[in-house]
Amino acid sequence: MRYYRQLRGMTTRQLAEKLNIIPATVLGYEQRRFQIPYDIAVLLAKELRIPESLLFDDFCIFISAPYTEILHTVRKRHGLNQVDFAENASSPPSIYAKWESGSRRPSRKMYQQLKAIYPEI
């Protein structure tokens, strides 16, 4: 990330202002001390004019894919309804239904819980 920022002639402060975050956070991303949230990764890629995939970790890849279809497919593969699938992953069924419908995104923590129970996600 630092390479592309410098290639574009931007300081950490300038990039931070464009992303509406503090410069220390940009440094944290560059030094891999912080995971880059999906929305920030998308903005970063746009600002740095690079493919999003260069900044995406497995969570961001999951979110950028049609995660609603992934959840639905995995749930069906296991032969579960939404309530049972959600309860297996310690998620409230009402929240899971919103994930599968696309009206809400799972958090990184919930993604990790889902992945622990359903590794194919």
PDB file of N, CA and C in Angstrom:
ATOM      1  N   MET A   1       0.817  -1.180   0.000  1.00  0.00           N
ATOM      2  CA  MET A   1       0.000   0.000   0.000  1.00  0.00           C
ATOM      3  C   MET A   1       0.868   1.254   0.000  1.00  0.00           C
ATOM      4  N   ARG A   2       1.910   1.233   0.807  1.00  0.00           N
ATOM      5  CA  ARG A   2       2.806   2.391   0.869  1.00  0.00           C
ATOM      6  C   ARG A   2       3.403   2.679  -0.515  1.00  0.00           C
ATOM      7  N   TYR A   3       3.803   1.618  -1.205  1.00  0.00           N
ATOM      8  CA  TYR A   3       4.386   1.773  -2.534  1.00  0.00           C
ATOM      9  C   TYR A   3       3.435   2.554  -3.446  1.00  0.00           C
ATOM     10  N   TYR A   4       2.180   2.161  -3.484  1.00  0.00           N
ATOM     11  CA  TYR A   4       1.216   2.823  -4.372  1.00  0.00           C
ATOM     12  C   TYR A   4       0.904   4.242  -3.918  1.00  0.00           C
ATOM     13  N   ARG A   5       0.852   4.451  -2.615  1.00  0.00           N
ATOM     14  CA  ARG A   5       0.626   5.810  -2.105  1.00  0.00           C
ATOM     15  C   ARG A   5       1.762   6.715  -2.551  1.00  0.00           C
ATOM     16  N   GLN A   6       2.986   6.247  -2.369  1.00  0.00           N
ATOM     17  CA  GLN A   6       4.144   7.051  -2.756  1.00  0.00           C
ATOM     18  C   GLN A   6       4.231   7.205  -4.269  1.00  0.00           C
ATOM     19  N   LEU A   7       3.859   6.175  -4.993  1.00  0.00           N
ATOM     20  CA  LEU A   7       3.837   6.249  -6.456  1.00  0.00           C
ATOM     21  C   LEU A   7       2.894   7.348  -6.931  1.00  0.00           C
ATOM     22  N   ARG A   8       1.816   7.533  -6.211  1.00  0.00           N
ATOM     23  CA  ARG A   8       0.838   8.584  -6.555  1.00  0.00           C
ATOM     24  C   ARG A   8       1.228   9.940  -5.964  1.00  0.00           C
ATOM     25  N   GLY A   9       2.366   9.993  -5.255  1.00  0.00           N
ATOM     26  CA  GLY A   9       2.854  11.255  -4.699  1.00  0.00           C
ATOM     27  C   GLY A   9       2.027  11.775  -3.543  1.00  0.00           C
ATOM     28  N   MET A  10       1.423  10.849  -2.786  1.00  0.00           N
ATOM     29  CA  MET A  10       0.568  11.257  -1.671  1.00  0.00           C
ATOM     30  C   MET A  10       1.271  11.016  -0.342  1.00  0.00           C
ATOM     31  N   THR A  11       1.032  11.911   0.598  1.00  0.00           N
ATOM     32  CA  THR A  11       1.496  11.712   1.967  1.00  0.00           C
ATOM     33  C   THR A  11       0.433  10.902   2.709  1.00  0.00           C
ATOM     34  N   THR A  12       0.815  10.377   3.865  1.00  0.00           N
ATOM     35  CA  THR A  12      -0.178   9.648   4.665  1.00  0.00           C
ATOM     36  C   THR A  12      -1.319  10.583   5.061  1.00  0.00           C
ATOM     37  N   ARG A  13      -0.977  11.818   5.347  1.00  0.00           N
ATOM     38  CA  ARG A  13      -2.012  12.798   5.722  1.00  0.00           C
ATOM     39  C   ARG A  13      -2.990  13.033   4.573  1.00  0.00           C
ATOM     40  N   GLN A  14      -2.464  13.207   3.368  1.00  0.00           N
ATOM     41  CA  GLN A  14      -3.339  13.446   2.216  1.00  0.00           C
ATOM     42  C   GLN A  14      -4.271  12.261   1.972  1.00  0.00           C
ATOM     43  N   LEU A  15      -3.715  11.064   2.050  1.00  0.00           N
ATOM     44  CA  LEU A  15      -4.545   9.883   1.842  1.00  0.00           C
ATOM     45  C   LEU A  15      -5.574   9.747   2.963  1.00  0.00           C
ATOM     46  N   ALA A  16      -5.149   9.991   4.180  1.00  0.00           N
ATOM     47  CA  ALA A  16      -6.064   9.908   5.320  1.00  0.00           C
ATOM     48  C   ALA A  16      -7.227  10.884   5.160  1.00  0.00           C
ATOM     49  N   GLU A  17      -6.939  12.084   4.694  1.00  0.00           N
ATOM     50  CA  GLU A  17      -8.006  13.079   4.501  1.00  0.00           C
ATOM     51  C   GLU A  17      -9.009  12.605   3.454  1.00  0.00           C
ATOM     52  N   LYS A  18      -8.517  11.996   2.392  1.00  0.00           N
ATOM     53  CA  LYS A  18      -9.417  11.488   1.345  1.00  0.00           C
ATOM     54  C   LYS A  18     -10.294  10.350   1.860  1.00  0.00           C
ATOM     55  N   LEU A  19      -9.771   9.603   2.822  1.00  0.00           N
ATOM     56  CA  LEU A  19     -10.503   8.461   3.375  1.00  0.00           C
ATOM     57  C   LEU A  19     -11.298   8.821   4.629  1.00  0.00           C
ATOM     58  N   ASN A  20     -11.112  10.046   5.093  1.00  0.00           N
ATOM     59  CA  ASN A  20     -11.770  10.523   6.309  1.00  0.00           C
ATOM     60  C   ASN A  20     -11.366   9.688   7.533  1.00  0.00           C
ATOM     61  N   ILE A  21     -10.064   9.403   7.612  1.00  0.00           N
ATOM     62  CA  ILE A  21      -9.498   8.696   8.761  1.00  0.00           C
ATOM     63  C   ILE A  21      -8.244   9.461   9.197  1.00  0.00           C
ATOM     64  N   ILE A  22      -7.655   9.057  10.307  1.00  0.00           N
ATOM     65  CA  ILE A  22      -6.456   9.758  10.777  1.00  0.00           C
ATOM     66  C   ILE A  22      -5.207   9.140  10.142  1.00  0.00           C
ATOM     67  N   PRO A  23      -4.148   9.926   9.973  1.00  0.00           N
ATOM     68  CA  PRO A  23      -2.919   9.409   9.353  1.00  0.00           C
ATOM     69  C   PRO A  23      -2.345   8.181  10.052  1.00  0.00           C
ATOM     70  N   ALA A  24      -2.468   8.098  11.362  1.00  0.00           N
ATOM     71  CA  ALA A  24      -1.944   6.935  12.088  1.00  0.00           C
ATOM     72  C   ALA A  24      -2.625   5.644  11.630  1.00  0.00           C
ATOM     73  N   THR A  25      -3.878   5.746  11.241  1.00  0.00           N
ATOM     74  CA  THR A  25      -4.595   4.565  10.744  1.00  0.00           C
ATOM     75  C   THR A  25      -4.033   4.135   9.399  1.00  0.00           C
ATOM     76  N   VAL A  26      -3.737   5.089   8.537  1.00  0.00           N
ATOM     77  CA  VAL A  26      -3.109   4.771   7.247  1.00  0.00           C
ATOM     78  C   VAL A  26      -1.789   4.049   7.499  1.00  0.00           C
ATOM     79  N   LEU A  27      -0.996   4.572   8.415  1.00  0.00           N
ATOM     80  CA  LEU A  27       0.275   3.918   8.748  1.00  0.00           C
ATOM     81  C   LEU A  27       0.045   2.503   9.281  1.00  0.00           C
ATOM     82  N   GLY A  28      -0.969   2.351  10.100  1.00  0.00           N
ATOM     83  CA  GLY A  28      -1.297   1.028  10.632  1.00  0.00           C
ATOM     84  C   GLY A  28      -1.654   0.040   9.531  1.00  0.00           C
ATOM     85  N   TYR A  29      -2.380   0.507   8.524  1.00  0.00           N
ATOM     86  CA  TYR A  29      -2.704  -0.350   7.376  1.00  0.00           C
ATOM     87  C   TYR A  29      -1.431  -0.692   6.611  1.00  0.00           C
ATOM     88  N   GLU A  30      -0.598   0.304   6.384  1.00  0.00           N
ATOM     89  CA  GLU A  30       0.638   0.086   5.624  1.00  0.00           C
ATOM     90  C   GLU A  30       1.579  -0.881   6.341  1.00  0.00           C
ATOM     91  N   GLN A  31       1.602  -0.812   7.636  1.00  0.00           N
ATOM     92  CA  GLN A  31       2.483  -1.680   8.428  1.00  0.00           C
ATOM     93  C   GLN A  31       1.806  -2.998   8.808  1.00  0.00           C
ATOM     94  N   ARG A  32       0.589  -3.184   8.301  1.00  0.00           N
ATOM     95  CA  ARG A  32      -0.199  -4.407   8.552  1.00  0.00           C
ATOM     96  C   ARG A  32      -0.498  -4.629  10.024  1.00  0.00           C
ATOM     97  N   ARG A  33      -0.570  -3.542  10.778  1.00  0.00           N
ATOM     98  CA  ARG A  33      -0.964  -3.649  12.186  1.00  0.00           C
ATOM     99  C   ARG A  33      -2.475  -3.727  12.322  1.00  0.00           C
ATOM    100  N   PHE A  34      -3.200  -3.183  11.324  1.00  0.00           N
ATOM    101  CA  PHE A  34      -4.665  -3.194  11.331  1.00  0.00           C
ATOM    102  C   PHE A  34      -5.149  -3.858  10.055  1.00  0.00           C
ATOM    103  N   GLN A  35      -6.241  -4.595  10.172  1.00  0.00           N
ATOM    104  CA  GLN A  35      -6.891  -5.115   8.978  1.00  0.00           C
ATOM    105  C   GLN A  35      -7.692  -3.984   8.358  1.00  0.00           C
ATOM    106  N   ILE A  36      -7.681  -3.931   7.050  1.00  0.00           N
ATOM    107  CA  ILE A  36      -8.381  -2.856   6.348  1.00  0.00           C
ATOM    108  C   ILE A  36      -9.853  -3.244   6.209  1.00  0.00           C
ATOM    109  N   PRO A  37     -10.757  -2.429   6.751  1.00  0.00           N
ATOM    110  CA  PRO A  37     -12.183  -2.719   6.592  1.00  0.00           C
ATOM    111  C   PRO A  37     -12.565  -2.685   5.111  1.00  0.00           C
ATOM    112  N   TYR A  38     -13.574  -3.440   4.774  1.00  0.00           N
ATOM    113  CA  TYR A  38     -13.998  -3.559   3.376  1.00  0.00           C
ATOM    114  C   TYR A  38     -14.231  -2.199   2.724  1.00  0.00           C
ATOM    115  N   ASP A  39     -15.035  -1.349   3.347  1.00  0.00           N
ATOM    116  CA  ASP A  39     -15.366  -0.053   2.740  1.00  0.00           C
ATOM    117  C   ASP A  39     -14.124   0.817   2.533  1.00  0.00           C
ATOM    118  N   ILE A  40     -13.202   0.765   3.478  1.00  0.00           N
ATOM    119  CA  ILE A  40     -11.955   1.524   3.348  1.00  0.00           C
ATOM    120  C   ILE A  40     -11.098   0.941   2.228  1.00  0.00           C
ATOM    121  N   ALA A  41     -11.052  -0.380   2.124  1.00  0.00           N
ATOM    122  CA  ALA A  41     -10.271  -1.024   1.055  1.00  0.00           C
ATOM    123  C   ALA A  41     -10.786  -0.604  -0.318  1.00  0.00           C
ATOM    124  N   VAL A  42     -12.086  -0.517  -0.464  1.00  0.00           N
ATOM    125  CA  VAL A  42     -12.676  -0.093  -1.738  1.00  0.00           C
ATOM    126  C   VAL A  42     -12.279   1.352  -2.048  1.00  0.00           C
ATOM    127  N   LEU A  43     -12.381   2.225  -1.045  1.00  0.00           N
ATOM    128  CA  LEU A  43     -11.980   3.629  -1.239  1.00  0.00           C
ATOM    129  C   LEU A  43     -10.483   3.757  -1.524  1.00  0.00           C
ATOM    130  N   LEU A  44      -9.685   3.007  -0.782  1.00  0.00           N
ATOM    131  CA  LEU A  44      -8.236   3.034  -0.984  1.00  0.00           C
ATOM    132  C   LEU A  44      -7.872   2.639  -2.408  1.00  0.00           C
ATOM    133  N   ALA A  45      -8.469   1.566  -2.881  1.00  0.00           N
ATOM    134  CA  ALA A  45      -8.184   1.102  -4.237  1.00  0.00           C
ATOM    135  C   ALA A  45      -8.533   2.183  -5.260  1.00  0.00           C
ATOM    136  N   LYS A  46      -9.644   2.846  -5.030  1.00  0.00           N
ATOM    137  CA  LYS A  46     -10.065   3.918  -5.949  1.00  0.00           C
ATOM    138  C   LYS A  46      -9.068   5.076  -5.900  1.00  0.00           C
ATOM    139  N   GLU A  47      -8.700   5.503  -4.702  1.00  0.00           N
ATOM    140  CA  GLU A  47      -7.772   6.630  -4.545  1.00  0.00           C
ATOM    141  C   GLU A  47      -6.382   6.307  -5.094  1.00  0.00           C
ATOM    142  N   LEU A  48      -5.936   5.071  -4.899  1.00  0.00           N
ATOM    143  CA  LEU A  48      -4.592   4.678  -5.337  1.00  0.00           C
ATOM    144  C   LEU A  48      -4.582   4.158  -6.776  1.00  0.00           C
ATOM    145  N   ARG A  49      -5.786   4.023  -7.347  1.00  0.00           N
ATOM    146  CA  ARG A  49      -5.948   3.526  -8.720  1.00  0.00           C
ATOM    147  C   ARG A  49      -5.293   2.156  -8.899  1.00  0.00           C
ATOM    148  N   ILE A  50      -5.690   1.246  -8.008  1.00  0.00           N
ATOM    149  CA  ILE A  50      -5.196  -0.129  -8.055  1.00  0.00           C
ATOM    150  C   ILE A  50      -6.390  -1.078  -7.952  1.00  0.00           C
ATOM    151  N   PRO A  51      -6.211  -2.327  -8.358  1.00  0.00           N
ATOM    152  CA  PRO A  51      -7.306  -3.291  -8.190  1.00  0.00           C
ATOM    153  C   PRO A  51      -7.607  -3.519  -6.702  1.00  0.00           C
ATOM    154  N   GLU A  52      -8.876  -3.597  -6.381  1.00  0.00           N
ATOM    155  CA  GLU A  52      -9.281  -3.839  -4.990  1.00  0.00           C
ATOM    156  C   GLU A  52      -8.644  -5.100  -4.434  1.00  0.00           C
ATOM    157  N   SER A  53      -8.490  -6.100  -5.276  1.00  0.00           N
ATOM    158  CA  SER A  53      -7.972  -7.398  -4.825  1.00  0.00           C
ATOM    159  C   SER A  53      -6.593  -7.287  -4.179  1.00  0.00           C
ATOM    160  N   LEU A  54      -5.838  -6.250  -4.513  1.00  0.00           N
ATOM    161  CA  LEU A  54      -4.525  -6.071  -3.883  1.00  0.00           C
ATOM    162  C   LEU A  54      -4.641  -5.749  -2.400  1.00  0.00           C
ATOM    163  N   LEU A  55      -5.784  -5.251  -1.994  1.00  0.00           N
ATOM    164  CA  LEU A  55      -5.983  -4.838  -0.600  1.00  0.00           C
ATOM    165  C   LEU A  55      -6.908  -5.779   0.174  1.00  0.00           C
ATOM    166  N   PHE A  56      -7.529  -6.703  -0.520  1.00  0.00           N
ATOM    167  CA  PHE A  56      -8.525  -7.556   0.111  1.00  0.00           C
ATOM    168  C   PHE A  56      -7.908  -8.743   0.841  1.00  0.00           C
ATOM    169  N   ASP A  57      -8.386  -8.982   2.061  1.00  0.00           N
ATOM    170  CA  ASP A  57      -8.090 -10.220   2.771  1.00  0.00           C
ATOM    171  C   ASP A  57      -9.281 -11.160   2.542  1.00  0.00           C
ATOM    172  N   ASP A  58      -9.311 -12.307   3.202  1.00  0.00           N
ATOM    173  CA  ASP A  58     -10.385 -13.257   2.935  1.00  0.00           C
ATOM    174  C   ASP A  58     -11.768 -12.705   3.295  1.00  0.00           C
ATOM    175  N   PHE A  59     -11.858 -11.888   4.331  1.00  0.00           N
ATOM    176  CA  PHE A  59     -13.147 -11.285   4.687  1.00  0.00           C
ATOM    177  C   PHE A  59     -13.626 -10.357   3.579  1.00  0.00           C
ATOM    178  N   CYS A  60     -12.748  -9.497   3.081  1.00  0.00           N
ATOM    179  CA  CYS A  60     -13.135  -8.559   2.021  1.00  0.00           C
ATOM    180  C   CYS A  60     -13.512  -9.297   0.740  1.00  0.00           C
ATOM    181  N   ILE A  61     -12.818 -10.388   0.445  1.00  0.00           N
ATOM    182  CA  ILE A  61     -13.159 -11.196  -0.731  1.00  0.00           C
ATOM    183  C   ILE A  61     -14.567 -11.762  -0.563  1.00  0.00           C
ATOM    184  N   PHE A  62     -14.870 -12.242   0.641  1.00  0.00           N
ATOM    185  CA  PHE A  62     -16.198 -12.776   0.936  1.00  0.00           C
ATOM    186  C   PHE A  62     -17.270 -11.699   0.747  1.00  0.00           C
ATOM    187  N   ILE A  63     -17.023 -10.518   1.278  1.00  0.00           N
ATOM    188  CA  ILE A  63     -18.004  -9.435   1.166  1.00  0.00           C
ATOM    189  C   ILE A  63     -18.151  -8.983  -0.280  1.00  0.00           C
ATOM    190  N   SER A  64     -17.039  -8.915  -1.016  1.00  0.00           N
ATOM    191  CA  SER A  64     -17.108  -8.423  -2.389  1.00  0.00           C
ATOM    192  C   SER A  64     -17.753  -9.428  -3.329  1.00  0.00           C
ATOM    193  N   ALA A  65     -17.604 -10.717  -3.010  1.00  0.00           N
ATOM    194  CA  ALA A  65     -18.330 -11.731  -3.784  1.00  0.00           C
ATOM    195  C   ALA A  65     -19.800 -11.558  -3.414  1.00  0.00           C
ATOM    196  N   PRO A  66     -20.668 -12.102  -4.155  1.00  0.00           N
ATOM    197  CA  PRO A  66     -22.052 -12.004  -3.667  1.00  0.00           C
ATOM    198  C   PRO A  66     -22.205 -12.883  -2.418  1.00  0.00           C
ATOM    199  N   TYR A  67     -21.850 -12.308  -1.258  1.00  0.00           N
ATOM    200  CA  TYR A  67     -21.863 -13.083  -0.007  1.00  0.00           C
ATOM    201  C   TYR A  67     -23.244 -13.633   0.291  1.00  0.00           C
ATOM    202  N   THR A  68     -24.276 -12.943  -0.181  1.00  0.00           N
ATOM    203  CA  THR A  68     -25.633 -13.443   0.043  1.00  0.00           C
ATOM    204  C   THR A  68     -25.811 -14.794  -0.636  1.00  0.00           C
ATOM    205  N   GLU A  69     -25.281 -14.928  -1.845  1.00  0.00           N
ATOM    206  CA  GLU A  69     -25.377 -16.195  -2.568  1.00  0.00           C
ATOM    207  C   GLU A  69     -24.520 -17.271  -1.911  1.00  0.00           C
ATOM    208  N   ILE A  70     -23.350 -16.888  -1.413  1.00  0.00           N
ATOM    209  CA  ILE A  70     -22.481 -17.848  -0.733  1.00  0.00           C
ATOM    210  C   ILE A  70     -23.195 -18.406   0.493  1.00  0.00           C
ATOM    211  N   LEU A  71     -23.757 -17.513   1.303  1.00  0.00           N
ATOM    212  CA  LEU A  71     -24.460 -17.964   2.509  1.00  0.00           C
ATOM    213  C   LEU A  71     -25.621 -18.887   2.158  1.00  0.00           C
ATOM    214  N   HIS A  72     -26.394 -18.478   1.171  1.00  0.00           N
ATOM    215  CA  HIS A  72     -27.555 -19.274   0.760  1.00  0.00           C
ATOM    216  C   HIS A  72     -27.120 -20.653   0.260  1.00  0.00           C
ATOM    217  N   THR A  73     -26.097 -20.677  -0.590  1.00  0.00           N
ATOM    218  CA  THR A  73     -25.614 -21.934  -1.160  1.00  0.00           C
ATOM    219  C   THR A  73     -25.087 -22.870  -0.085  1.00  0.00           C
ATOM    220  N   VAL A  74     -24.283 -22.341   0.832  1.00  0.00           N
ATOM    221  CA  VAL A  74     -23.722 -23.184   1.900  1.00  0.00           C
ATOM    222  C   VAL A  74     -24.840 -23.697   2.802  1.00  0.00           C
ATOM    223  N   ARG A  75     -25.779 -22.833   3.118  1.00  0.00           N
ATOM    224  CA  ARG A  75     -26.903 -23.251   3.970  1.00  0.00           C
ATOM    225  C   ARG A  75     -27.686 -24.375   3.309  1.00  0.00           C
ATOM    226  N   LYS A  76     -27.986 -24.231   2.035  1.00  0.00           N
ATOM    227  CA  LYS A  76     -28.738 -25.256   1.315  1.00  0.00           C
ATOM    228  C   LYS A  76     -27.939 -26.559   1.213  1.00  0.00           C
ATOM    229  N   ARG A  77     -26.629 -26.435   1.007  1.00  0.00           N
ATOM    230  CA  ARG A  77     -25.760 -27.616   0.912  1.00  0.00           C
ATOM    231  C   ARG A  77     -25.814 -28.439   2.204  1.00  0.00           C
ATOM    232  N   HIS A  78     -25.986 -27.730   3.314  1.00  0.00           N
ATOM    233  CA  HIS A  78     -26.082 -28.407   4.611  1.00  0.00           C
ATOM    234  C   HIS A  78     -27.514 -28.840   4.930  1.00  0.00           C
ATOM    235  N   GLY A  79     -28.444 -28.489   4.052  1.00  0.00           N
ATOM    236  CA  GLY A  79     -29.837 -28.879   4.254  1.00  0.00           C
ATOM    237  C   GLY A  79     -30.489 -28.200   5.441  1.00  0.00           C
ATOM    238  N   LEU A  80     -30.091 -26.962   5.710  1.00  0.00           N
ATOM    239  CA  LEU A  80     -30.600 -26.236   6.878  1.00  0.00           C
ATOM    240  C   LEU A  80     -31.495 -25.070   6.470  1.00  0.00           C
ATOM    241  N   ASN A  81     -32.433 -24.751   7.355  1.00  0.00           N
ATOM    242  CA  ASN A  81     -33.183 -23.515   7.160  1.00  0.00           C
ATOM    243  C   ASN A  81     -32.370 -22.377   7.775  1.00  0.00           C
ATOM    244  N   GLN A  82     -32.830 -21.146   7.586  1.00  0.00           N
ATOM    245  CA  GLN A  82     -32.065 -19.996   8.082  1.00  0.00           C
ATOM    246  C   GLN A  82     -31.901 -20.014   9.593  1.00  0.00           C
ATOM    247  N   VAL A  83     -32.914 -20.408  10.309  1.00  0.00           N
ATOM    248  CA  VAL A  83     -32.854 -20.412  11.775  1.00  0.00           C
ATOM    249  C   VAL A  83     -31.794 -21.395  12.258  1.00  0.00           C
ATOM    250  N   ASP A  84     -31.823 -22.605  11.734  1.00  0.00           N
ATOM    251  CA  ASP A  84     -30.853 -23.620  12.172  1.00  0.00           C
ATOM    252  C   ASP A  84     -29.422 -23.238  11.775  1.00  0.00           C
ATOM    253  N   PHE A  85     -29.273 -22.725  10.572  1.00  0.00           N
ATOM    254  CA  PHE A  85     -27.948 -22.311  10.103  1.00  0.00           C
ATOM    255  C   PHE A  85     -27.386 -21.216  11.010  1.00  0.00           C
ATOM    256  N   ALA A  86     -28.214 -20.227  11.314  1.00  0.00           N
ATOM    257  CA  ALA A  86     -27.791 -19.118  12.169  1.00  0.00           C
ATOM    258  C   ALA A  86     -27.461 -19.597  13.574  1.00  0.00           C
ATOM    259  N   GLU A  87     -28.310 -20.417  14.132  1.00  0.00           N
ATOM    260  CA  GLU A  87     -28.077 -20.907  15.493  1.00  0.00           C
ATOM    261  C   GLU A  87     -26.798 -21.736  15.585  1.00  0.00           C
ATOM    262  N   ASN A  88     -26.479 -22.508  14.552  1.00  0.00           N
ATOM    263  CA  ASN A  88     -25.230 -23.272  14.548  1.00  0.00           C
ATOM    264  C   ASN A  88     -24.014 -22.353  14.634  1.00  0.00           C
ATOM    265  N   ALA A  89     -24.145 -21.157  14.073  1.00  0.00           N
ATOM    266  CA  ALA A  89     -23.035 -20.197  14.070  1.00  0.00           C
ATOM    267  C   ALA A  89     -23.158 -19.175  15.192  1.00  0.00           C
ATOM    268  N   SER A  90     -24.050 -19.405  16.138  1.00  0.00           N
ATOM    269  CA  SER A  90     -24.272 -18.481  17.266  1.00  0.00           C
ATOM    270  C   SER A  90     -24.629 -17.071  16.805  1.00  0.00           C
ATOM    271  N   SER A  91     -25.470 -17.015  15.813  1.00  0.00           N
ATOM    272  CA  SER A  91     -25.942 -15.740  15.293  1.00  0.00           C
ATOM    273  C   SER A  91     -27.454 -15.675  15.477  1.00  0.00           C
ATOM    274  N   PRO A  92     -27.973 -14.514  15.840  1.00  0.00           N
ATOM    275  CA  PRO A  92     -29.431 -14.404  15.926  1.00  0.00           C
ATOM    276  C   PRO A  92     -30.055 -14.652  14.539  1.00  0.00           C
ATOM    277  N   PRO A  93     -31.071 -15.495  14.461  1.00  0.00           N
ATOM    278  CA  PRO A  93     -31.691 -15.792  13.161  1.00  0.00           C
ATOM    279  C   PRO A  93     -32.172 -14.549  12.410  1.00  0.00           C
ATOM    280  N   SER A  94     -32.685 -13.551  13.138  1.00  0.00           N
ATOM    281  CA  SER A  94     -33.165 -12.340  12.460  1.00  0.00           C
ATOM    282  C   SER A  94     -32.028 -11.583  11.776  1.00  0.00           C
ATOM    283  N   ILE A  95     -30.860 -11.588  12.397  1.00  0.00           N
ATOM    284  CA  ILE A  95     -29.690 -10.938  11.796  1.00  0.00           C
ATOM    285  C   ILE A  95     -29.215 -11.736  10.594  1.00  0.00           C
ATOM    286  N   TYR A  96     -29.162 -13.066  10.753  1.00  0.00           N
ATOM    287  CA  TYR A  96     -28.739 -13.899   9.627  1.00  0.00           C
ATOM    288  C   TYR A  96     -29.643 -13.690   8.412  1.00  0.00           C
ATOM    289  N   ALA A  97     -30.938 -13.609   8.641  1.00  0.00           N
ATOM    290  CA  ALA A  97     -31.879 -13.396   7.527  1.00  0.00           C
ATOM    291  C   ALA A  97     -31.543 -12.102   6.781  1.00  0.00           C
ATOM    292  N   LYS A  98     -31.134 -11.082   7.520  1.00  0.00           N
ATOM    293  CA  LYS A  98     -30.747  -9.815   6.880  1.00  0.00           C
ATOM    294  C   LYS A  98     -29.465  -9.983   6.071  1.00  0.00           C
ATOM    295  N   TRP A  99     -28.550 -10.809   6.554  1.00  0.00           N
ATOM    296  CA  TRP A  99     -27.318 -11.063   5.787  1.00  0.00           C
ATOM    297  C   TRP A  99     -27.654 -11.747   4.479  1.00  0.00           C
ATOM    298  N   GLU A 100     -28.476 -12.784   4.576  1.00  0.00           N
ATOM    299  CA  GLU A 100     -28.778 -13.547   3.374  1.00  0.00           C
ATOM    300  C   GLU A 100     -29.596 -12.732   2.373  1.00  0.00           C
ATOM    301  N   SER A 101     -30.380 -11.796   2.875  1.00  0.00           N
ATOM    302  CA  SER A 101     -31.166 -10.951   1.963  1.00  0.00           C
ATOM    303  C   SER A 101     -30.337  -9.786   1.409  1.00  0.00           C
ATOM    304  N   GLY A 102     -29.184  -9.525   2.045  1.00  0.00           N
ATOM    305  CA  GLY A 102     -28.329  -8.435   1.585  1.00  0.00           C
ATOM    306  C   GLY A 102     -28.657  -7.088   2.198  1.00  0.00           C
ATOM    307  N   SER A 103     -29.579  -7.052   3.145  1.00  0.00           N
ATOM    308  CA  SER A 103     -29.926  -5.771   3.763  1.00  0.00           C
ATOM    309  C   SER A 103     -28.966  -5.399   4.891  1.00  0.00           C
ATOM    310  N   ARG A 104     -28.093  -6.333   5.239  1.00  0.00           N
ATOM    311  CA  ARG A 104     -27.076  -6.086   6.259  1.00  0.00           C
ATOM    312  C   ARG A 104     -25.884  -6.997   5.972  1.00  0.00           C
ATOM    313  N   ARG A 105     -24.679  -6.488   6.254  1.00  0.00           N
ATOM    314  CA  ARG A 105     -23.464  -7.288   6.035  1.00  0.00           C
ATOM    315  C   ARG A 105     -22.988  -7.879   7.350  1.00  0.00           C
ATOM    316  N   PRO A 106     -22.459  -9.107   7.298  1.00  0.00           N
ATOM    317  CA  PRO A 106     -21.873  -9.655   8.526  1.00  0.00           C
ATOM    318  C   PRO A 106     -20.586  -8.899   8.875  1.00  0.00           C
ATOM    319  N   SER A 107     -20.306  -8.798  10.140  1.00  0.00           N
ATOM    320  CA  SER A 107     -19.054  -8.181  10.590  1.00  0.00           C
ATOM    321  C   SER A 107     -17.916  -9.168  10.354  1.00  0.00           C
ATOM    322  N   ARG A 108     -16.700  -8.676  10.477  1.00  0.00           N
ATOM    323  CA  ARG A 108     -15.523  -9.545  10.346  1.00  0.00           C
ATOM    324  C   ARG A 108     -15.582 -10.656  11.406  1.00  0.00           C
ATOM    325  N   LYS A 109     -15.974 -10.292  12.629  1.00  0.00           N
ATOM    326  CA  LYS A 109     -16.056 -11.275  13.710  1.00  0.00           C
ATOM    327  C   LYS A 109     -17.090 -12.354  13.389  1.00  0.00           C
ATOM    328  N   MET A 110     -18.235 -11.955  12.894  1.00  0.00           N
ATOM    329  CA  MET A 110     -19.277 -12.928  12.558  1.00  0.00           C
ATOM    330  C   MET A 110     -18.848 -13.782  11.371  1.00  0.00           C
ATOM    331  N   TYR A 111     -18.156 -13.182  10.423  1.00  0.00           N
ATOM    332  CA  TYR A 111     -17.621 -13.952   9.290  1.00  0.00           C
ATOM    333  C   TYR A 111     -16.694 -15.051   9.819  1.00  0.00           C
ATOM    334  N   GLN A 112     -15.844 -14.694  10.763  1.00  0.00           N
ATOM    335  CA  GLN A 112     -14.907 -15.677  11.320  1.00  0.00           C
ATOM    336  C   GLN A 112     -15.658 -16.789  12.051  1.00  0.00           C
ATOM    337  N   GLN A 113     -16.734 -16.441  12.751  1.00  0.00           N
ATOM    338  CA  GLN A 113     -17.556 -17.460  13.417  1.00  0.00           C
ATOM    339  C   GLN A 113     -18.192 -18.381  12.395  1.00  0.00           C
ATOM    340  N   LEU A 114     -18.755 -17.782  11.334  1.00  0.00           N
ATOM    341  CA  LEU A 114     -19.381 -18.582  10.283  1.00  0.00           C
ATOM    342  C   LEU A 114     -18.352 -19.508   9.637  1.00  0.00           C
ATOM    343  N   LYS A 115     -17.178 -18.973   9.360  1.00  0.00           N
ATOM    344  CA  LYS A 115     -16.118 -19.743   8.705  1.00  0.00           C
ATOM    345  C   LYS A 115     -15.647 -20.907   9.589  1.00  0.00           C
ATOM    346  N   ALA A 116     -15.647 -20.697  10.904  1.00  0.00           N
ATOM    347  CA  ALA A 116     -15.233 -21.765  11.826  1.00  0.00           C
ATOM    348  C   ALA A 116     -16.227 -22.924  11.785  1.00  0.00           C
ATOM    349  N   ILE A 117     -17.490 -22.623  11.632  1.00  0.00           N
ATOM    350  CA  ILE A 117     -18.526 -23.659  11.603  1.00  0.00           C
ATOM    351  C   ILE A 117     -18.703 -24.227  10.192  1.00  0.00           C
ATOM    352  N   TYR A 118     -18.628 -23.336   9.202  1.00  0.00           N
ATOM    353  CA  TYR A 118     -18.832 -23.721   7.808  1.00  0.00           C
ATOM    354  C   TYR A 118     -17.586 -23.321   7.004  1.00  0.00           C
ATOM    355  N   PRO A 119     -16.530 -24.130   7.046  1.00  0.00           N
ATOM    356  CA  PRO A 119     -15.248 -23.761   6.430  1.00  0.00           C
ATOM    357  C   PRO A 119     -15.321 -23.463   4.939  1.00  0.00           C
ATOM    358  N   GLU A 120     -16.329 -23.974   4.259  1.00  0.00           N
ATOM    359  CA  GLU A 120     -16.414 -23.738   2.818  1.00  0.00           C
ATOM    360  C   GLU A 120     -16.837 -22.313   2.466  1.00  0.00           C
ATOM    361  N   ILE A 121     -17.221 -21.542   3.463  1.00  0.00           N
ATOM    362  CA  ILE A 121     -17.619 -20.144   3.210  1.00  0.00           C
ATOM    363  C   ILE A 121     -16.422 -19.370   2.700  1.00  0.00           C
TER     364      ILE A 121
END
